[in-house]
Amino acid sequence: MNDRIRELWARARLRVWPEPCYLASLPVGALAAAGEWLGGCGRGFAALVVERDEVSVTLPESVWLGSPLRRQALAEAGPLRALTFDLDLDLELVGFLAPVAERLAAAGVSIVPQCAYLKDHLLVREEQLAAAVRAIEELIREAGTDGAGPPG
């Protein structure tokens, strides 16, 4: 990990979103309906990705389980927990997620990265949340102490 990435991890704070969420794959034709449901999420974690083969939505559990969109789902995964690295990141930054992805892989935690303009987020299976939080907090702690020693 280079010095810039280490310094950012040392400043990072982990936010665990309180409500579980679901990640679902919908047919491309469901885009308009998915956008409407996304607007009803309030302040819960939500995301929408549109690509050639699917519309992918991440919605709070309470929204997804009651949504008529669920009948159209090609696949769904959940409950998941959304984790946010509460740190605004520069889009030119290279390698920020690499150390956490490596740590979580070593801990056997499956991740789904979901990045926004300012912040990076991960989805993890609810049953892996405790292991994920431990690994991430350890990374943040270690980043804050690496280089805290006396000058060389």
N, C-alpha and C. Protein backbone atom coordinates (compact mmCIF):
# COMPACT_ATOMS: atom_id res chain seq x y z
N MET A 1 0.86 -1.17 0.00
CA MET A 1 0.00 0.00 0.00
C MET A 1 0.91 1.23 0.00
N ASN A 2 0.65 2.14 -0.93
CA ASN A 2 1.50 3.34 -0.97
C ASN A 2 1.10 4.32 0.13
N ASP A 3 1.93 5.34 0.33
CA ASP A 3 1.72 6.29 1.44
C ASP A 3 0.39 7.04 1.33
N ARG A 4 -0.01 7.41 0.11
CA ARG A 4 -1.27 8.14 -0.05
C ARG A 4 -2.46 7.26 0.34
N ILE A 5 -2.45 6.02 -0.10
CA ILE A 5 -3.55 5.11 0.23
C ILE A 5 -3.56 4.83 1.73
N ARG A 6 -2.39 4.64 2.32
CA ARG A 6 -2.30 4.39 3.77
C ARG A 6 -2.87 5.58 4.55
N GLU A 7 -2.53 6.80 4.12
CA GLU A 7 -3.01 8.00 4.82
C GLU A 7 -4.53 8.10 4.71
N LEU A 8 -5.08 7.76 3.56
CA LEU A 8 -6.54 7.80 3.41
C LEU A 8 -7.21 6.75 4.28
N TRP A 9 -6.66 5.55 4.32
CA TRP A 9 -7.24 4.51 5.19
C TRP A 9 -7.14 4.91 6.66
N ALA A 10 -6.08 5.60 7.03
CA ALA A 10 -5.94 6.05 8.42
C ALA A 10 -7.02 7.06 8.79
N ARG A 11 -7.49 7.83 7.82
CA ARG A 11 -8.55 8.83 8.07
C ARG A 11 -9.95 8.27 7.86
N ALA A 12 -10.05 7.15 7.24
CA ALA A 12 -11.37 6.58 6.90
C ALA A 12 -12.15 6.21 8.16
N ARG A 13 -13.45 6.33 8.07
CA ARG A 13 -14.36 5.87 9.11
C ARG A 13 -15.36 4.96 8.44
N LEU A 14 -15.66 3.87 9.10
CA LEU A 14 -16.59 2.89 8.56
C LEU A 14 -18.00 3.19 9.03
N ARG A 15 -18.93 3.22 8.10
CA ARG A 15 -20.35 3.38 8.43
C ARG A 15 -21.06 2.10 8.01
N VAL A 16 -21.73 1.47 8.95
CA VAL A 16 -22.56 0.31 8.65
C VAL A 16 -24.01 0.81 8.60
N TRP A 17 -24.63 0.66 7.44
CA TRP A 17 -26.01 1.11 7.30
C TRP A 17 -26.91 0.23 8.15
N PRO A 18 -27.89 0.82 8.84
CA PRO A 18 -28.67 0.06 9.81
C PRO A 18 -29.60 -0.99 9.21
N GLU A 19 -30.17 -0.72 8.05
CA GLU A 19 -31.14 -1.67 7.51
C GLU A 19 -30.50 -2.59 6.48
N PRO A 20 -30.76 -3.88 6.57
CA PRO A 20 -30.29 -4.79 5.52
C PRO A 20 -30.85 -4.37 4.16
N CYS A 21 -30.19 -4.81 3.11
CA CYS A 21 -30.66 -4.49 1.76
C CYS A 21 -30.60 -5.73 0.88
N TYR A 22 -31.17 -5.59 -0.29
CA TYR A 22 -31.17 -6.65 -1.30
C TYR A 22 -30.59 -6.09 -2.59
N LEU A 23 -29.86 -6.93 -3.30
CA LEU A 23 -29.34 -6.63 -4.62
C LEU A 23 -30.12 -7.51 -5.59
N ALA A 24 -30.69 -6.90 -6.62
CA ALA A 24 -31.51 -7.67 -7.55
C ALA A 24 -31.18 -7.31 -8.99
N SER A 25 -31.33 -8.30 -9.85
CA SER A 25 -31.18 -8.13 -11.29
C SER A 25 -32.57 -8.12 -11.90
N LEU A 26 -32.83 -7.07 -12.67
CA LEU A 26 -34.14 -6.91 -13.33
C LEU A 26 -33.94 -6.84 -14.84
N PRO A 27 -34.97 -7.16 -15.60
CA PRO A 27 -34.86 -6.99 -17.05
C PRO A 27 -34.72 -5.50 -17.40
N VAL A 28 -34.08 -5.22 -18.51
CA VAL A 28 -33.84 -3.84 -18.93
C VAL A 28 -35.15 -3.06 -19.03
N GLY A 29 -36.22 -3.72 -19.39
CA GLY A 29 -37.51 -3.05 -19.52
C GLY A 29 -38.08 -2.55 -18.20
N ALA A 30 -37.48 -2.94 -17.08
CA ALA A 30 -37.98 -2.52 -15.76
C ALA A 30 -37.32 -1.24 -15.26
N LEU A 31 -36.54 -0.58 -16.12
CA LEU A 31 -35.79 0.61 -15.68
C LEU A 31 -36.69 1.70 -15.10
N ALA A 32 -37.74 2.07 -15.78
CA ALA A 32 -38.60 3.17 -15.29
C ALA A 32 -39.20 2.82 -13.93
N ALA A 33 -39.70 1.61 -13.79
CA ALA A 33 -40.29 1.20 -12.51
C ALA A 33 -39.23 1.15 -11.42
N ALA A 34 -38.03 0.70 -11.76
CA ALA A 34 -36.94 0.64 -10.77
C ALA A 34 -36.59 2.04 -10.29
N GLY A 35 -36.55 2.99 -11.21
CA GLY A 35 -36.27 4.38 -10.84
C GLY A 35 -37.31 4.94 -9.90
N GLU A 36 -38.56 4.61 -10.14
CA GLU A 36 -39.64 5.07 -9.25
C GLU A 36 -39.47 4.48 -7.84
N TRP A 37 -39.18 3.20 -7.76
CA TRP A 37 -39.02 2.56 -6.46
C TRP A 37 -37.79 3.10 -5.73
N LEU A 38 -36.76 3.40 -6.48
CA LEU A 38 -35.55 3.96 -5.88
C LEU A 38 -35.87 5.29 -5.19
N GLY A 39 -36.74 6.06 -5.81
CA GLY A 39 -37.13 7.34 -5.23
C GLY A 39 -37.88 7.21 -3.92
N GLY A 40 -38.44 6.03 -3.65
CA GLY A 40 -39.18 5.82 -2.42
C GLY A 40 -38.35 5.25 -1.28
N CYS A 41 -37.06 5.25 -1.45
CA CYS A 41 -36.19 4.63 -0.43
C CYS A 41 -35.92 5.52 0.77
N GLY A 42 -36.32 6.76 0.70
CA GLY A 42 -36.02 7.65 1.82
C GLY A 42 -34.52 7.84 1.94
N ARG A 43 -34.01 7.60 3.14
CA ARG A 43 -32.58 7.81 3.37
C ARG A 43 -31.82 6.50 3.53
N GLY A 44 -32.43 5.40 3.12
CA GLY A 44 -31.74 4.11 3.18
C GLY A 44 -30.75 3.98 2.03
N PHE A 45 -29.83 3.03 2.15
CA PHE A 45 -28.85 2.82 1.08
C PHE A 45 -29.55 2.25 -0.14
N ALA A 46 -29.29 2.85 -1.30
CA ALA A 46 -29.89 2.38 -2.55
C ALA A 46 -28.94 2.70 -3.70
N ALA A 47 -29.00 1.88 -4.74
CA ALA A 47 -28.18 2.11 -5.92
C ALA A 47 -28.90 1.55 -7.14
N LEU A 48 -28.58 2.11 -8.29
CA LEU A 48 -29.15 1.68 -9.55
C LEU A 48 -28.04 1.65 -10.58
N VAL A 49 -27.89 0.51 -11.25
CA VAL A 49 -26.91 0.38 -12.33
C VAL A 49 -27.65 -0.12 -13.55
N VAL A 50 -27.48 0.59 -14.64
CA VAL A 50 -28.13 0.21 -15.89
C VAL A 50 -27.04 -0.18 -16.87
N GLU A 51 -27.17 -1.33 -17.45
CA GLU A 51 -26.23 -1.76 -18.47
C GLU A 51 -26.98 -2.53 -19.54
N ARG A 52 -26.28 -3.01 -20.52
CA ARG A 52 -26.90 -3.64 -21.69
C ARG A 52 -27.80 -4.82 -21.33
N ASP A 53 -27.38 -5.64 -20.38
CA ASP A 53 -28.06 -6.89 -20.10
C ASP A 53 -29.03 -6.87 -18.92
N GLU A 54 -28.96 -5.84 -18.10
CA GLU A 54 -29.80 -5.83 -16.91
C GLU A 54 -29.90 -4.44 -16.31
N VAL A 55 -30.87 -4.31 -15.44
CA VAL A 55 -30.97 -3.19 -14.51
C VAL A 55 -30.73 -3.82 -13.14
N SER A 56 -29.73 -3.32 -12.45
CA SER A 56 -29.39 -3.86 -11.13
C SER A 56 -29.78 -2.83 -10.08
N VAL A 57 -30.51 -3.26 -9.06
CA VAL A 57 -30.92 -2.35 -8.00
C VAL A 57 -30.46 -2.89 -6.65
N THR A 58 -30.08 -1.98 -5.81
CA THR A 58 -29.83 -2.28 -4.41
C THR A 58 -30.83 -1.42 -3.64
N LEU A 59 -31.67 -2.09 -2.86
CA LEU A 59 -32.73 -1.39 -2.14
C LEU A 59 -32.78 -1.86 -0.69
N PRO A 60 -33.22 -0.99 0.22
CA PRO A 60 -33.42 -1.44 1.59
C PRO A 60 -34.38 -2.63 1.62
N GLU A 61 -34.15 -3.53 2.55
CA GLU A 61 -34.97 -4.73 2.66
C GLU A 61 -36.46 -4.41 2.73
N SER A 62 -36.83 -3.40 3.53
CA SER A 62 -38.25 -3.08 3.69
C SER A 62 -38.87 -2.61 2.39
N VAL A 63 -38.11 -1.96 1.54
CA VAL A 63 -38.61 -1.50 0.24
C VAL A 63 -38.68 -2.67 -0.73
N TRP A 64 -37.60 -3.46 -0.81
CA TRP A 64 -37.55 -4.55 -1.78
C TRP A 64 -38.60 -5.63 -1.51
N LEU A 65 -38.73 -6.04 -0.27
CA LEU A 65 -39.65 -7.14 0.03
C LEU A 65 -41.10 -6.78 -0.26
N GLY A 66 -41.43 -5.49 -0.23
CA GLY A 66 -42.79 -5.06 -0.52
C GLY A 66 -42.99 -4.56 -1.94
N SER A 67 -41.96 -4.66 -2.76
CA SER A 67 -42.02 -4.09 -4.10
C SER A 67 -42.63 -5.04 -5.13
N PRO A 68 -43.50 -4.53 -5.99
CA PRO A 68 -43.99 -5.37 -7.09
C PRO A 68 -42.88 -5.72 -8.09
N LEU A 69 -41.78 -4.98 -8.04
CA LEU A 69 -40.63 -5.30 -8.90
C LEU A 69 -40.07 -6.69 -8.60
N ARG A 70 -40.26 -7.13 -7.39
CA ARG A 70 -39.67 -8.42 -6.98
C ARG A 70 -40.16 -9.56 -7.88
N ARG A 71 -41.38 -9.47 -8.37
CA ARG A 71 -41.91 -10.52 -9.25
C ARG A 71 -41.18 -10.55 -10.59
N GLN A 72 -40.57 -9.43 -10.96
CA GLN A 72 -39.84 -9.35 -12.24
C GLN A 72 -38.37 -9.72 -12.10
N ALA A 73 -37.91 -9.91 -10.89
CA ALA A 73 -36.48 -10.13 -10.67
C ALA A 73 -35.99 -11.39 -11.38
N LEU A 74 -34.87 -11.25 -12.06
CA LEU A 74 -34.20 -12.39 -12.68
C LEU A 74 -33.39 -13.13 -11.63
N ALA A 75 -32.92 -12.40 -10.62
CA ALA A 75 -32.17 -12.96 -9.50
C ALA A 75 -32.16 -11.93 -8.38
N GLU A 76 -31.97 -12.41 -7.15
CA GLU A 76 -31.85 -11.50 -6.01
C GLU A 76 -30.89 -12.10 -5.01
N ALA A 77 -30.24 -11.23 -4.26
CA ALA A 77 -29.33 -11.67 -3.20
C ALA A 77 -29.61 -10.82 -1.97
N GLY A 78 -29.67 -11.47 -0.83
CA GLY A 78 -29.89 -10.74 0.41
C GLY A 78 -30.37 -11.68 1.49
N PRO A 79 -30.40 -11.21 2.69
CA PRO A 79 -30.09 -9.84 3.08
C PRO A 79 -28.57 -9.58 3.06
N LEU A 80 -28.27 -8.38 2.62
CA LEU A 80 -26.89 -7.88 2.58
C LEU A 80 -26.81 -6.67 3.49
N ARG A 81 -25.59 -6.31 3.84
CA ARG A 81 -25.39 -5.08 4.62
C ARG A 81 -24.49 -4.16 3.83
N ALA A 82 -24.85 -2.90 3.79
CA ALA A 82 -24.07 -1.88 3.09
C ALA A 82 -23.09 -1.25 4.06
N LEU A 83 -21.85 -1.17 3.62
CA LEU A 83 -20.76 -0.54 4.38
C LEU A 83 -20.25 0.63 3.56
N THR A 84 -20.10 1.77 4.19
CA THR A 84 -19.60 2.96 3.51
C THR A 84 -18.30 3.40 4.16
N PHE A 85 -17.33 3.72 3.32
CA PHE A 85 -16.09 4.32 3.81
C PHE A 85 -16.34 5.82 3.80
N ASP A 86 -16.53 6.38 4.98
CA ASP A 86 -16.96 7.76 5.13
C ASP A 86 -15.77 8.70 4.93
N LEU A 87 -15.43 8.85 3.67
CA LEU A 87 -14.27 9.64 3.27
C LEU A 87 -14.48 10.01 1.81
N ASP A 88 -14.45 11.30 1.48
CA ASP A 88 -14.60 11.71 0.09
C ASP A 88 -13.32 11.37 -0.65
N LEU A 89 -13.47 10.71 -1.80
CA LEU A 89 -12.32 10.24 -2.57
C LEU A 89 -12.24 10.96 -3.91
N ASP A 90 -11.03 11.20 -4.34
CA ASP A 90 -10.74 11.81 -5.64
C ASP A 90 -10.90 10.74 -6.71
N LEU A 91 -11.54 11.07 -7.80
CA LEU A 91 -11.75 10.10 -8.88
C LEU A 91 -10.45 9.67 -9.54
N GLU A 92 -9.38 10.42 -9.35
CA GLU A 92 -8.07 10.06 -9.92
C GLU A 92 -7.33 9.06 -9.04
N LEU A 93 -7.85 8.78 -7.87
CA LEU A 93 -7.21 7.88 -6.92
C LEU A 93 -7.16 6.46 -7.48
N VAL A 94 -6.01 5.81 -7.35
CA VAL A 94 -5.83 4.45 -7.85
C VAL A 94 -5.51 3.52 -6.68
N GLY A 95 -6.28 2.45 -6.51
CA GLY A 95 -5.93 1.41 -5.55
C GLY A 95 -6.52 1.52 -4.17
N PHE A 96 -7.49 2.40 -3.95
CA PHE A 96 -8.05 2.55 -2.61
C PHE A 96 -8.71 1.27 -2.12
N LEU A 97 -9.49 0.62 -2.95
CA LEU A 97 -10.20 -0.58 -2.52
C LEU A 97 -9.32 -1.83 -2.44
N ALA A 98 -8.16 -1.81 -3.07
CA ALA A 98 -7.31 -3.02 -3.12
C ALA A 98 -6.98 -3.57 -1.74
N PRO A 99 -6.52 -2.76 -0.79
CA PRO A 99 -6.17 -3.33 0.52
C PRO A 99 -7.36 -3.95 1.25
N VAL A 100 -8.53 -3.33 1.17
CA VAL A 100 -9.69 -3.88 1.87
C VAL A 100 -10.20 -5.13 1.16
N ALA A 101 -10.15 -5.14 -0.16
CA ALA A 101 -10.58 -6.34 -0.89
C ALA A 101 -9.68 -7.52 -0.54
N GLU A 102 -8.40 -7.26 -0.43
CA GLU A 102 -7.44 -8.33 -0.06
C GLU A 102 -7.71 -8.83 1.36
N ARG A 103 -7.92 -7.92 2.29
CA ARG A 103 -8.20 -8.31 3.69
C ARG A 103 -9.49 -9.12 3.80
N LEU A 104 -10.52 -8.66 3.12
CA LEU A 104 -11.81 -9.35 3.21
C LEU A 104 -11.75 -10.72 2.52
N ALA A 105 -11.01 -10.81 1.44
CA ALA A 105 -10.84 -12.11 0.78
C ALA A 105 -10.12 -13.08 1.73
N ALA A 106 -9.09 -12.60 2.41
CA ALA A 106 -8.36 -13.44 3.35
C ALA A 106 -9.25 -13.90 4.51
N ALA A 107 -10.24 -13.06 4.85
CA ALA A 107 -11.18 -13.41 5.93
C ALA A 107 -12.36 -14.24 5.41
N GLY A 108 -12.39 -14.53 4.12
CA GLY A 108 -13.47 -15.33 3.55
C GLY A 108 -14.77 -14.56 3.37
N VAL A 109 -14.68 -13.23 3.27
CA VAL A 109 -15.87 -12.39 3.12
C VAL A 109 -16.04 -12.01 1.66
N SER A 110 -17.20 -12.35 1.11
CA SER A 110 -17.55 -12.00 -0.26
C SER A 110 -18.02 -10.55 -0.29
N ILE A 111 -17.60 -9.79 -1.31
CA ILE A 111 -17.98 -8.38 -1.40
C ILE A 111 -18.58 -8.05 -2.76
N VAL A 112 -19.44 -7.05 -2.76
CA VAL A 112 -19.95 -6.44 -3.98
C VAL A 112 -19.66 -4.94 -3.85
N PRO A 113 -18.62 -4.45 -4.53
CA PRO A 113 -18.32 -3.01 -4.47
C PRO A 113 -19.40 -2.20 -5.18
N GLN A 114 -19.78 -1.09 -4.59
CA GLN A 114 -20.72 -0.15 -5.21
C GLN A 114 -20.17 1.24 -4.94
N CYS A 115 -19.62 1.84 -5.96
CA CYS A 115 -18.96 3.13 -5.79
C CYS A 115 -19.83 4.27 -6.29
N ALA A 116 -19.76 5.37 -5.59
CA ALA A 116 -20.46 6.58 -5.97
C ALA A 116 -19.42 7.64 -6.34
N TYR A 117 -19.87 8.83 -6.62
CA TYR A 117 -18.93 9.88 -7.01
C TYR A 117 -17.97 10.21 -5.88
N LEU A 118 -18.46 10.36 -4.67
CA LEU A 118 -17.62 10.77 -3.55
C LEU A 118 -17.09 9.62 -2.70
N LYS A 119 -17.89 8.60 -2.50
CA LYS A 119 -17.54 7.56 -1.52
C LYS A 119 -17.64 6.18 -2.14
N ASP A 120 -16.86 5.26 -1.58
CA ASP A 120 -16.94 3.86 -1.97
C ASP A 120 -17.75 3.09 -0.93
N HIS A 121 -18.46 2.09 -1.41
CA HIS A 121 -19.33 1.27 -0.57
C HIS A 121 -19.10 -0.19 -0.91
N LEU A 122 -19.37 -1.05 0.05
CA LEU A 122 -19.33 -2.49 -0.18
C LEU A 122 -20.63 -3.09 0.33
N LEU A 123 -21.10 -4.12 -0.35
CA LEU A 123 -22.18 -4.94 0.16
C LEU A 123 -21.56 -6.25 0.61
N VAL A 124 -21.96 -6.72 1.80
CA VAL A 124 -21.51 -8.02 2.31
C VAL A 124 -22.73 -8.78 2.80
N ARG A 125 -22.64 -10.09 2.77
CA ARG A 125 -23.74 -10.90 3.30
C ARG A 125 -23.91 -10.59 4.78
N GLU A 126 -25.16 -10.53 5.21
CA GLU A 126 -25.44 -10.17 6.61
C GLU A 126 -24.70 -11.08 7.59
N GLU A 127 -24.62 -12.37 7.29
CA GLU A 127 -23.95 -13.29 8.21
C GLU A 127 -22.42 -13.10 8.23
N GLN A 128 -21.89 -12.32 7.29
CA GLN A 128 -20.45 -12.04 7.26
C GLN A 128 -20.13 -10.63 7.77
N LEU A 129 -21.14 -9.92 8.24
CA LEU A 129 -20.95 -8.53 8.66
C LEU A 129 -19.90 -8.40 9.77
N ALA A 130 -19.98 -9.20 10.81
CA ALA A 130 -19.04 -9.06 11.94
C ALA A 130 -17.60 -9.29 11.47
N ALA A 131 -17.38 -10.30 10.64
CA ALA A 131 -16.03 -10.57 10.14
C ALA A 131 -15.54 -9.42 9.26
N ALA A 132 -16.43 -8.86 8.45
CA ALA A 132 -16.07 -7.74 7.58
C ALA A 132 -15.69 -6.52 8.41
N VAL A 133 -16.49 -6.20 9.41
CA VAL A 133 -16.22 -5.02 10.25
C VAL A 133 -14.88 -5.20 10.97
N ARG A 134 -14.62 -6.39 11.52
CA ARG A 134 -13.34 -6.63 12.19
C ARG A 134 -12.16 -6.40 11.25
N ALA A 135 -12.24 -6.96 10.05
CA ALA A 135 -11.13 -6.84 9.09
C ALA A 135 -10.92 -5.39 8.67
N ILE A 136 -12.01 -4.67 8.44
CA ILE A 136 -11.89 -3.28 8.00
C ILE A 136 -11.37 -2.39 9.13
N GLU A 137 -11.89 -2.58 10.33
CA GLU A 137 -11.40 -1.77 11.45
C GLU A 137 -9.93 -2.05 11.74
N GLU A 138 -9.50 -3.28 11.55
CA GLU A 138 -8.08 -3.61 11.72
C GLU A 138 -7.24 -2.90 10.66
N LEU A 139 -7.70 -2.87 9.42
CA LEU A 139 -6.99 -2.16 8.36
C LEU A 139 -6.87 -0.68 8.68
N ILE A 140 -7.95 -0.07 9.13
CA ILE A 140 -7.93 1.35 9.47
C ILE A 140 -6.97 1.61 10.63
N ARG A 141 -7.03 0.76 11.64
CA ARG A 141 -6.14 0.91 12.80
C ARG A 141 -4.68 0.78 12.38
N GLU A 142 -4.37 -0.24 11.60
CA GLU A 142 -2.98 -0.45 11.16
C GLU A 142 -2.49 0.70 10.28
N ALA A 143 -3.36 1.21 9.41
CA ALA A 143 -2.97 2.33 8.55
C ALA A 143 -2.64 3.55 9.39
N GLY A 144 -3.34 3.72 10.50
CA GLY A 144 -3.09 4.86 11.37
C GLY A 144 -1.82 4.73 12.19
N THR A 145 -1.32 3.51 12.36
CA THR A 145 -0.10 3.34 13.16
C THR A 145 1.14 3.14 12.30
N ASP A 146 0.98 2.72 11.02
CA ASP A 146 2.16 2.51 10.14
C ASP A 146 2.81 3.87 9.90
N GLY A 147 3.85 4.24 10.13
CA GLY A 147 4.38 5.56 9.86
C GLY A 147 4.22 6.49 11.03
N ALA A 148 3.66 6.01 12.15
CA ALA A 148 3.51 6.87 13.32
C ALA A 148 4.76 6.81 14.19
N GLY A 149 5.69 5.97 13.81
CA GLY A 149 6.92 5.84 14.61
C GLY A 149 7.85 7.01 14.40
N PRO A 150 8.97 7.00 15.12
CA PRO A 150 9.92 8.11 15.01
C PRO A 150 10.56 8.15 13.61
N PRO A 151 10.93 9.33 13.15
CA PRO A 151 11.56 9.45 11.83
C PRO A 151 12.84 8.63 11.79
N GLY A 152 13.11 8.10 10.58
CA GLY A 152 14.15 7.17 10.32
C GLY A 152 15.52 7.51 10.55
